[in-house]
């Protein structure tokens, strides 16, 4: 009985940790995507400004 309880608690702890890891990974990927979009936008703005100068 005690062993089964320990196994269950261990599985629950692992599931919680995996959930947190997944959310952290998703946050990192979203942040990276946001940075890439911002970089592309900034490059496009620079190109437009340079084109207007010509």
C-alpha atoms as a PDB file:
ATOM      1  CA  UNK A   1       0.000   0.000   0.000  1.00  0.00           C
ATOM      2  CA  UNK A   2       2.778   2.402   0.939  1.00  0.00           C
ATOM      3  CA  UNK A   3       4.723   1.603  -2.205  1.00  0.00           C
ATOM      4  CA  UNK A   4       1.681   2.256  -4.386  1.00  0.00           C
ATOM      5  CA  UNK A   5       1.155   5.621  -2.670  1.00  0.00           C
ATOM      6  CA  UNK A   6       4.805   6.564  -3.247  1.00  0.00           C
ATOM      7  CA  UNK A   7       4.531   5.592  -6.911  1.00  0.00           C
ATOM      8  CA  UNK A   8       1.359   7.635  -7.322  1.00  0.00           C
ATOM      9  CA  UNK A   9       2.904  10.667  -5.642  1.00  0.00           C
ATOM     10  CA  UNK A  10       6.008  10.319  -7.787  1.00  0.00           C
ATOM     11  CA  UNK A  11       3.934  10.137 -10.958  1.00  0.00           C
ATOM     12  CA  UNK A  12       1.937  13.209  -9.931  1.00  0.00           C
ATOM     13  CA  UNK A  13       5.108  15.160  -9.185  1.00  0.00           C
ATOM     14  CA  UNK A  14       6.571  14.181 -12.557  1.00  0.00           C
ATOM     15  CA  UNK A  15       3.370  15.216 -14.337  1.00  0.00           C
ATOM     16  CA  UNK A  16       3.449  18.623 -12.610  1.00  0.00           C
ATOM     17  CA  UNK A  17       7.098  19.114 -13.512  1.00  0.00           C
ATOM     18  CA  UNK A  18       6.479  18.112 -17.134  1.00  0.00           C
ATOM     19  CA  UNK A  19       3.572  20.572 -17.287  1.00  0.00           C
ATOM     20  CA  UNK A  20       5.786  23.377 -16.024  1.00  0.00           C
ATOM     21  CA  UNK A  21       8.575  22.400 -18.432  1.00  0.00           C
ATOM     22  CA  UNK A  22       6.112  22.424 -21.319  1.00  0.00           C
ATOM     23  CA  UNK A  23       4.805  25.881 -20.387  1.00  0.00           C
ATOM     24  CA  UNK A  24       8.344  27.213 -19.987  1.00  0.00           C
ATOM     25  CA  UNK A  25       9.317  25.821 -23.381  1.00  0.00           C
ATOM     26  CA  UNK A  26       6.207  27.311 -24.963  1.00  0.00           C
ATOM     27  CA  UNK A  27       6.991  30.698 -23.387  1.00  0.00           C
ATOM     28  CA  UNK A  28      10.562  30.544 -24.714  1.00  0.00           C
ATOM     29  CA  UNK A  29       9.391  29.646 -28.216  1.00  0.00           C
ATOM     30  CA  UNK A  30       6.794  32.428 -28.166  1.00  0.00           C
ATOM     31  CA  UNK A  31       9.415  34.929 -27.009  1.00  0.00           C
ATOM     32  CA  UNK A  32      11.817  33.830 -29.745  1.00  0.00           C
ATOM     33  CA  UNK A  33       9.065  34.134 -32.364  1.00  0.00           C
ATOM     34  CA  UNK A  34       8.162  37.614 -31.071  1.00  0.00           C
ATOM     35  CA  UNK A  35      11.805  38.671 -31.303  1.00  0.00           C
ATOM     36  CA  UNK A  36      12.065  37.352 -34.867  1.00  0.00           C
ATOM     37  CA  UNK A  37       8.898  39.196 -35.906  1.00  0.00           C
ATOM     38  CA  UNK A  38      10.177  42.416 -34.324  1.00  0.00           C
ATOM     39  CA  UNK A  39      13.549  42.029 -36.062  1.00  0.00           C
ATOM     40  CA  UNK A  40      11.874  41.474 -39.447  1.00  0.00           C
ATOM     41  CA  UNK A  41       9.609  44.474 -38.868  1.00  0.00           C
ATOM     42  CA  UNK A  42      12.561  46.694 -37.943  1.00  0.00           C
ATOM     43  CA  UNK A  43      14.466  45.586 -41.049  1.00  0.00           C
ATOM     44  CA  UNK A  44      11.446  46.364 -43.224  1.00  0.00           C
ATOM     45  CA  UNK A  45      11.084  49.825 -41.654  1.00  0.00           C
ATOM     46  CA  UNK A  46      14.760  50.538 -42.339  1.00  0.00           C
ATOM     47  CA  UNK A  47      14.339  49.418 -45.969  1.00  0.00           C
ATOM     48  CA  UNK A  48      11.318  51.681 -46.431  1.00  0.00           C
ATOM     49  CA  UNK A  49      13.104  54.660 -44.906  1.00  0.00           C
ATOM     50  CA  UNK A  50      16.123  54.083 -47.132  1.00  0.00           C
ATOM     51  CA  UNK A  51      13.890  53.817 -50.201  1.00  0.00           C
ATOM     52  CA  UNK A  52      12.209  57.130 -49.322  1.00  0.00           C
ATOM     53  CA  UNK A  53      15.601  58.848 -49.159  1.00  0.00           C
ATOM     54  CA  UNK A  54      16.398  57.833 -52.752  1.00  0.00           C
END
